[in-house]
Protein backbone atom coordinates (compact mmCIF):
# COMPACT_ATOMS: atom_id res chain seq x y z
CA MET A 1 0.00 0.00 0.00
CA ARG A 2 2.82 2.35 0.92
CA THR A 3 4.52 1.49 -2.39
CA ILE A 4 1.38 2.42 -4.37
CA SER A 5 1.10 5.70 -2.43
CA LEU A 6 4.73 6.50 -3.17
CA ILE A 7 4.24 5.83 -6.89
CA ILE A 8 1.20 8.13 -6.94
CA MET A 9 3.14 10.90 -5.15
CA ILE A 10 6.01 10.64 -7.62
CA ALA A 11 3.59 10.73 -10.55
CA LEU A 12 1.88 13.83 -9.13
CA PHE A 13 5.27 15.49 -8.57
CA PHE A 14 6.37 15.01 -12.16
CA THR A 15 2.95 16.10 -13.43
CA ALA A 16 3.27 19.31 -11.41
CA CYS A 17 6.79 19.92 -12.76
CA LYS A 18 5.55 19.44 -16.29
CA GLN A 19 2.70 21.87 -15.74
CA GLU A 20 5.09 24.50 -14.34
CA ARG A 21 7.18 24.31 -17.52
CA GLU A 22 4.21 24.53 -19.87
CA ILE A 23 3.43 27.99 -21.25
CA LEU A 24 -0.09 28.92 -22.22
CA PRO A 25 -0.14 30.89 -25.51
CA SER A 26 -1.30 34.47 -25.03
CA GLY A 27 -2.38 34.85 -28.65
CA LYS A 28 0.07 37.72 -29.20
CA ILE A 29 2.56 37.31 -32.03
CA LEU A 30 6.00 38.94 -32.22
CA LYS A 31 7.33 39.17 -35.76
CA ILE A 32 11.08 38.72 -36.28
CA GLY A 33 12.64 39.42 -39.66
CA VAL A 34 15.07 36.87 -41.06
CA MET A 35 17.38 37.93 -43.89
CA ALA A 36 18.77 34.80 -45.51
CA PRO A 37 20.57 34.23 -48.82
CA LEU A 38 18.64 31.16 -49.93
CA GLY A 39 19.99 31.29 -53.47
CA GLY A 40 23.20 32.44 -55.14
CA LYS A 41 26.79 32.12 -53.96
CA TYR A 42 26.04 32.53 -50.24
CA LYS A 43 23.12 30.09 -50.11
CA ARG A 44 25.04 27.74 -47.81
CA LEU A 45 25.05 30.44 -45.11
CA GLY A 46 21.36 31.11 -45.53
CA ASN A 47 20.11 27.56 -45.72
CA GLN A 48 22.16 26.12 -42.87
CA GLY A 49 21.46 29.17 -40.71
CA LEU A 50 17.74 28.92 -41.38
CA ILE A 51 17.72 25.22 -40.49
CA GLY A 52 19.34 26.04 -37.13
CA LEU A 53 17.00 28.97 -36.49
CA LYS A 54 13.88 26.93 -37.21
CA ALA A 55 15.19 24.18 -34.92
CA ALA A 56 15.68 26.70 -32.09
CA ASN A 57 12.16 28.05 -32.63
CA LYS A 58 10.77 24.51 -32.63
CA MET A 59 12.42 23.90 -29.27
CA ASN A 60 11.02 27.09 -27.74
CA ARG A 61 8.76 29.49 -29.62
CA TYR A 62 6.96 31.10 -26.66
CA LEU A 63 8.17 33.69 -24.18
CA LYS A 64 7.35 33.17 -20.52
CA ASN A 65 4.24 35.35 -20.89
CA GLY A 66 2.95 33.20 -23.75
CA ASP A 67 3.77 35.62 -26.57
CA GLU A 68 4.79 33.71 -29.70
CA ILE A 69 7.84 34.32 -31.91
CA VAL A 70 7.20 33.96 -35.64
CA PHE A 71 9.53 34.67 -38.54
CA GLU A 72 9.16 36.91 -41.56
CA ILE A 73 11.72 35.20 -43.81
CA VAL A 74 13.05 37.10 -46.82
CA ASP A 75 15.47 35.79 -49.44
CA THR A 76 18.34 38.18 -50.20
CA LYS A 77 19.37 35.94 -53.14
CA SER A 78 23.03 36.74 -52.32
CA GLU A 79 22.60 40.06 -54.13
CA LEU A 80 23.19 43.49 -52.60
CA LYS A 81 20.38 45.17 -54.55
CA ASN A 82 17.86 42.57 -53.44
CA SER A 83 19.17 42.65 -49.86
CA LYS A 84 18.50 46.39 -49.68
CA LYS A 85 15.05 45.86 -51.15
CA VAL A 86 13.94 43.19 -48.67
CA LEU A 87 15.34 45.19 -45.74
CA SER A 88 13.18 48.16 -46.75
CA GLU A 89 10.17 45.81 -46.98
CA LEU A 90 10.82 44.46 -43.47
CA ALA A 91 11.13 48.02 -42.14
CA LYS A 92 7.53 48.71 -43.20
CA LYS A 93 6.24 45.88 -41.03
CA ASP A 94 5.93 45.62 -37.26
CA ILE A 95 9.27 43.85 -36.88
CA LYS A 96 10.85 43.68 -33.41
CA ALA A 97 14.29 42.56 -34.60
CA ILE A 98 16.16 41.03 -37.52
CA ILE A 99 18.37 37.95 -37.60
CA SER A 100 20.73 38.07 -40.57
CA PHE A 101 22.61 35.25 -42.28
CA MET A 102 24.27 37.52 -44.83
CA GLY A 103 28.03 37.54 -45.28
CA SER A 104 30.41 40.39 -44.48
CA SER A 105 30.58 41.96 -47.93
CA GLU A 106 26.82 42.55 -48.27
CA THR A 107 26.48 43.63 -44.66
CA LEU A 108 29.30 46.17 -44.90
CA SER A 109 27.61 47.73 -47.92
CA MET A 110 24.36 47.98 -45.93
CA LYS A 111 25.82 49.25 -42.68
CA GLN A 112 24.22 52.69 -43.06
CA ASP A 113 20.88 51.13 -44.07
CA PHE A 114 20.68 49.20 -40.81
CA LYS A 115 21.52 52.35 -38.88
CA ASP A 116 18.88 54.39 -40.71
CA TYR A 117 16.06 51.86 -40.22
CA LYS A 118 16.91 51.42 -36.53
CA ILE A 119 15.74 47.81 -36.33
CA PRO A 120 17.91 45.80 -33.87
CA THR A 121 19.79 43.25 -35.96
CA VAL A 122 21.85 40.20 -35.02
CA LEU A 123 24.60 39.27 -37.48
CA THR A 124 24.90 35.51 -37.16
CA LEU A 125 27.67 34.71 -39.64
CA ALA A 126 29.31 37.96 -40.82
CA THR A 127 32.82 38.19 -39.35
CA ASP A 128 34.38 41.43 -40.64
CA ASN A 129 35.98 43.58 -37.93
CA ASN A 130 34.33 46.81 -39.07
CA LEU A 131 30.66 45.83 -39.06
CA VAL A 132 29.55 47.05 -35.65
CA SER A 133 29.72 50.51 -34.14
CA LYS A 134 27.95 52.32 -31.33
CA GLY A 135 24.43 53.22 -32.36
CA GLY A 136 24.66 51.13 -35.52
CA TYR A 137 21.79 48.78 -34.60
CA ILE A 138 23.80 45.68 -35.55
CA SER A 139 25.50 43.18 -33.24
CA GLN A 140 27.80 40.26 -34.04
CA VAL A 141 27.21 36.81 -32.50
CA CYS A 142 30.10 35.11 -34.34
CA ILE A 143 33.74 35.85 -33.56
CA ASP A 144 35.30 38.53 -35.78
CA ASN A 145 38.32 38.16 -38.06
CA ASP A 146 40.72 39.72 -35.55
CA THR A 147 39.80 37.11 -32.94
CA GLN A 148 40.11 34.25 -35.40
CA VAL A 149 43.50 35.42 -36.68
CA LEU A 150 44.82 35.88 -33.15
CA ILE A 151 43.76 32.36 -32.14
CA ALA A 152 45.02 30.66 -35.30
CA SER A 153 48.39 32.44 -35.25
CA HIS A 154 49.18 31.74 -31.63
CA TYR A 155 47.97 28.16 -31.84
CA ILE A 156 50.38 27.55 -34.72
CA ARG A 157 53.30 29.39 -33.13
CA ASP A 158 52.83 28.74 -29.40
CA GLU A 159 51.01 25.38 -29.26
CA LYS A 160 52.44 23.69 -32.34
CA LEU A 161 55.79 25.53 -32.15
CA ILE A 162 55.71 26.15 -35.90
CA GLN A 163 57.42 29.23 -37.34
CA LYS A 164 56.93 28.68 -41.08
CA VAL A 165 53.55 28.30 -42.77
CA GLY A 166 51.94 28.37 -46.18
CA VAL A 167 48.64 30.16 -46.83
CA ILE A 168 45.98 29.23 -49.39
CA TYR A 169 42.87 31.28 -50.09
CA ASN A 170 40.21 32.11 -52.67
CA LYS A 171 40.44 35.68 -53.98
CA ASP A 172 36.87 35.51 -55.34
CA SER A 173 35.59 35.29 -51.75
CA TYR A 174 35.70 38.51 -49.69
CA TYR A 175 35.83 36.50 -46.45
CA SER A 176 38.62 34.24 -47.66
CA SER A 177 40.87 36.95 -49.10
CA ILE A 178 40.48 39.42 -46.23
CA LEU A 179 41.05 36.76 -43.57
CA ALA A 180 44.10 35.35 -45.38
CA LYS A 181 45.69 38.81 -45.64
CA GLN A 182 45.02 39.56 -41.98
CA PHE A 183 46.54 36.24 -40.93
CA LYS A 184 49.61 36.78 -43.10
CA ASN A 185 50.25 40.24 -41.70
CA TYR A 186 49.74 39.24 -38.09
CA PHE A 187 51.72 36.00 -38.26
CA ILE A 188 54.69 37.87 -39.71
CA SER A 189 54.32 40.57 -37.03
CA ILE A 190 54.83 37.99 -34.26
CA GLY A 191 57.95 36.58 -35.85
CA GLY A 192 56.51 33.92 -38.12
CA SER A 193 57.25 33.37 -41.79
CA VAL A 194 54.76 32.88 -44.65
CA GLU A 195 56.60 30.79 -47.22
CA PHE A 196 53.87 31.05 -49.87
CA PHE A 197 50.58 32.91 -50.29
CA LEU A 198 48.56 31.16 -52.97
CA ASP A 199 45.25 32.19 -54.55
CA LEU A 200 43.61 28.91 -55.52
CA ASN A 201 41.51 30.56 -58.22
CA LYS A 202 44.54 31.54 -60.26
CA GLN A 203 45.35 29.58 -63.39
CA ASN A 204 47.54 26.55 -62.66
CA ALA A 205 47.19 27.19 -58.89
CA LEU A 206 46.76 23.48 -58.12
CA ASN A 207 49.84 22.61 -60.19
CA ARG A 208 51.77 25.29 -58.37
CA PHE A 209 50.62 23.86 -55.04
CA GLU A 210 52.06 20.47 -55.93
CA ASN A 211 55.50 22.09 -56.02
CA MET A 212 55.04 23.47 -52.51
CA LYS A 213 56.04 20.10 -51.10
CA LYS A 214 59.59 21.40 -51.38
CA LYS A 215 58.83 24.23 -48.96
CA ASP A 216 60.02 23.82 -45.39
CA ILE A 217 56.66 24.20 -43.64
CA LYS A 218 54.69 22.16 -41.11
CA MET A 219 51.32 23.91 -41.31
CA LEU A 220 49.05 25.10 -44.11
CA TYR A 221 46.60 27.87 -43.15
CA ASN A 222 43.50 27.66 -45.32
CA THR A 223 40.64 30.16 -45.72
CA SER A 224 39.25 28.71 -48.97
CA ASN A 225 35.96 26.84 -49.43
CA GLY A 226 35.13 23.13 -49.16
CA VAL A 227 35.46 22.34 -52.86
CA LEU A 228 38.91 23.88 -53.21
CA SER A 229 40.03 22.45 -49.87
CA ALA A 230 39.03 18.94 -51.00
CA LYS A 231 41.19 19.34 -54.12
CA ILE A 232 44.14 20.45 -52.00
CA LEU A 233 43.72 17.55 -49.58
CA ASP A 234 43.55 15.13 -52.47
CA ILE A 235 46.91 16.44 -53.72
CA MET A 236 48.39 16.27 -50.22
CA ASN A 237 47.30 12.65 -49.84
CA ARG A 238 48.50 11.55 -53.28
CA LYS A 239 51.84 13.36 -52.99
CA ASN A 240 52.42 12.46 -49.32
CA PHE A 241 52.78 16.03 -48.11
CA ASP A 242 54.03 15.98 -44.54
CA PHE A 243 52.36 19.11 -43.18
CA ASP A 244 49.00 19.70 -41.48
CA MET A 245 46.13 21.97 -42.47
CA LEU A 246 44.37 24.50 -40.24
CA GLY A 247 41.08 25.68 -41.76
CA ALA A 248 39.17 28.87 -41.00
CA ASP A 249 35.87 29.04 -39.15
CA GLY A 250 33.02 27.87 -41.33
CA LEU A 251 35.09 25.52 -43.48
CA TYR A 252 33.51 22.38 -42.09
CA SER A 253 29.99 23.79 -42.49
CA ASP A 254 30.88 24.18 -46.15
CA VAL A 255 32.30 20.65 -46.31
CA LEU A 256 28.99 19.22 -45.04
CA GLU A 257 27.46 20.21 -48.37
CA LEU A 258 29.92 18.02 -50.30
CA GLY A 259 28.59 14.59 -49.32
CA HIS A 260 29.98 11.65 -47.34
CA ASN A 261 32.67 10.65 -49.84
CA LYS A 262 34.40 14.03 -49.54
CA LEU A 263 34.02 14.14 -45.75
CA LYS A 264 36.58 11.37 -45.36
CA LEU A 265 39.24 13.58 -46.97
CA PHE A 266 39.00 16.02 -44.05
CA ASP A 267 39.83 13.59 -41.26
CA GLY A 268 42.91 14.96 -39.48
CA VAL A 269 42.32 18.57 -40.55
CA TYR A 270 42.33 21.24 -37.82
CA VAL A 271 39.72 24.01 -37.83
CA VAL A 272 38.95 27.14 -35.82
CA GLU A 273 35.39 26.80 -34.56
CA HIS A 274 32.76 28.08 -32.13
CA TYR A 275 31.90 24.55 -31.00
CA ALA A 276 33.30 21.10 -30.42
CA HIS A 277 31.38 17.83 -30.57
CA ASN A 278 32.95 16.61 -27.33
CA ALA A 279 32.55 19.76 -25.20
CA ASN A 280 29.71 21.14 -23.06
CA ARG A 281 27.08 18.68 -24.25
CA ASP A 282 23.94 19.45 -22.29
CA SER A 283 20.39 18.31 -23.05
CA ASN A 284 19.67 21.33 -25.28
CA TYR A 285 22.77 20.62 -27.38
CA GLU A 286 21.76 16.98 -27.81
CA ARG A 287 18.16 17.85 -28.61
CA LEU A 288 19.28 20.41 -31.21
CA GLU A 289 21.66 17.88 -32.76
CA LYS A 290 18.84 15.37 -33.18
CA ILE A 291 16.72 17.94 -35.01
CA LEU A 292 19.63 19.03 -37.22
CA ASP A 293 20.62 15.44 -37.96
CA LYS A 294 17.48 15.02 -40.07
CA ASP A 295 18.98 17.55 -42.50
CA GLY A 296 22.55 16.25 -42.18
CA PHE A 297 23.87 19.39 -40.46
CA ASN A 298 24.43 18.30 -36.87
CA GLU A 299 28.07 19.51 -37.07
CA SER A 300 27.24 22.83 -38.72
CA SER A 301 28.53 25.87 -36.85
CA ASN A 302 26.24 27.96 -39.05
CA ALA A 303 23.22 26.16 -37.59
CA PHE A 304 24.61 26.32 -34.05
CA LEU A 305 25.27 30.06 -34.35
CA ALA A 306 21.68 30.51 -35.53
CA TYR A 307 20.56 28.79 -32.31
CA ASP A 308 22.69 31.19 -30.26
CA SER A 309 21.29 34.18 -32.16
CA TYR A 310 17.83 32.94 -31.19
CA GLN A 311 18.85 32.68 -27.52
CA LEU A 312 20.09 36.28 -27.63
CA LEU A 313 16.78 37.30 -29.20
CA MET A 314 14.76 35.44 -26.52
CA HIS A 315 16.85 37.05 -23.79
CA ALA A 316 16.23 40.54 -25.17
CA LEU A 317 12.49 40.02 -25.64
CA GLU A 318 12.13 38.67 -22.10
CA LYS A 319 14.04 41.65 -20.70
CA CYS A 320 12.15 44.27 -22.70
CA SER A 321 8.55 43.87 -21.57
CA ASP A 322 7.34 46.69 -23.82
CA TYR A 323 9.30 45.26 -26.78
CA SER A 324 10.70 48.70 -27.60
CA LEU A 325 13.33 48.65 -30.34
CA GLU A 326 15.64 50.80 -28.21
CA CYS A 327 15.58 48.31 -25.33
CA ILE A 328 16.06 45.30 -27.61
CA ASP A 329 19.00 46.98 -29.34
CA ALA A 330 20.60 47.90 -26.01
CA THR A 331 20.29 44.27 -24.87
CA PHE A 332 21.79 43.01 -28.12
CA GLU A 333 24.73 45.37 -27.53
CA ASN A 334 25.36 44.40 -23.89
CA SER A 335 23.50 41.29 -22.91
CA GLY A 336 24.93 39.78 -19.78
CA ILE A 337 25.53 36.02 -19.77
CA ILE A 338 23.44 33.84 -22.11
CA LYS A 339 23.44 30.05 -22.32
CA GLY A 340 24.23 29.00 -25.86
CA VAL A 341 24.18 25.57 -27.42
CA ALA A 342 27.73 24.73 -26.32
CA GLY A 343 28.42 27.08 -23.43
CA ASN A 344 27.85 30.59 -22.16
CA PHE A 345 28.43 33.73 -24.19
CA SER A 346 27.77 37.43 -23.75
CA MET A 347 27.58 40.55 -25.89
CA VAL A 348 29.86 43.46 -25.01
CA ASP A 349 29.63 46.62 -27.13
CA SER A 350 27.87 44.61 -29.86
CA LYS A 351 30.64 41.99 -30.13
CA VAL A 352 30.52 38.50 -28.74
CA LYS A 353 32.63 37.15 -25.88
CA ARG A 354 32.75 33.37 -25.98
CA GLU A 355 34.95 30.29 -26.01
CA VAL A 356 36.64 29.47 -29.31
CA TYR A 357 37.93 26.03 -30.20
CA ILE A 358 40.70 24.59 -32.25
CA ASN A 359 39.17 21.28 -33.34
CA LYS A 360 40.54 18.27 -35.14
CA ILE A 361 38.17 16.46 -37.49
CA GLU A 362 37.91 12.80 -36.54
CA ASN A 363 35.39 10.41 -38.15
CA SER A 364 33.54 13.45 -39.52
CA LEU A 365 33.16 14.96 -36.02
CA LEU A 366 34.70 18.13 -34.58
CA LYS A 367 36.88 16.99 -31.67
CA LYS A 368 38.33 19.57 -29.29
CA GLU A 369 42.09 20.09 -29.30
CA VAL A 370 42.36 23.45 -27.52
CA VAL A 371 39.77 25.86 -26.13
CA ILE A 372 40.57 29.57 -25.89
CA TYR A 373 38.52 32.35 -24.34
């Protein structure tokens, strides 16, 4: 009898807990603009980001008061003219904030537009150092180029004890070319040597790379995309190159689009990342991974960063009970501590403060080598 009573008490306890967590919809809808390049050369950013954002919304679409978050999704088509057009269309609606998956080049060209419209905007994937400024109404959830260069350079020099490197990049990509130049300049400034600086889009670039085996280097710093990186790794494997590769943030998200056969090429490659598969795995991380796995992007930092952008949005909306744009923007700029998918982060003067990982790809998973804050 006592056993039955105990079972009933436990059942009632868990029922009560469940009821406390349930949120009754208020019927009020909060519209959030989403600017995503779903076509064109930046479609990877838009599509993976949108998958992560929808997963975050699926996990929690109501505020504590029952108000519901819904998205107004617009396709920038990876074109500046269209990006400006859809931003002006969003500005005419009752939008509380914008989450953007645009790259740095488009966003830089629209910096004044965001400031003029005064809609608080979270940049999920744009990394340029010069995107945010006081009163600019844009904040950056991903690490910027300066942070990435600092981490990559000191990991190579101070952790790996390597003084000589080669650099490969893609001049047709703003992100790739700018990041490669910044790395080259900084690595030289701390006493390192860049033995070659190769644009992979140049004619005969792959043939020229084959001759780089003669160079006395132990690390190849790579800011190019997944397709070009796969070609380089194929050469390195066939020619038995004896140096490692360190890829820039976002490389592996790009690689996920290539299919399982290409993924195997990247085992052993190091990458700078916001996350690691074997770090800070709480229930939210695991739940998000299961949702993303249906689309094949459970190792996508683009999707994970979208989740973190959503957490920043939720935090701001909860804090600003009147949902004023000024309050939301101020919270985006300086947030306090927020729990992201793989650890805490905060916004300080519109830039993110968070852990950054050097990962090694093993069996198509991002395994932590070093974590830097």
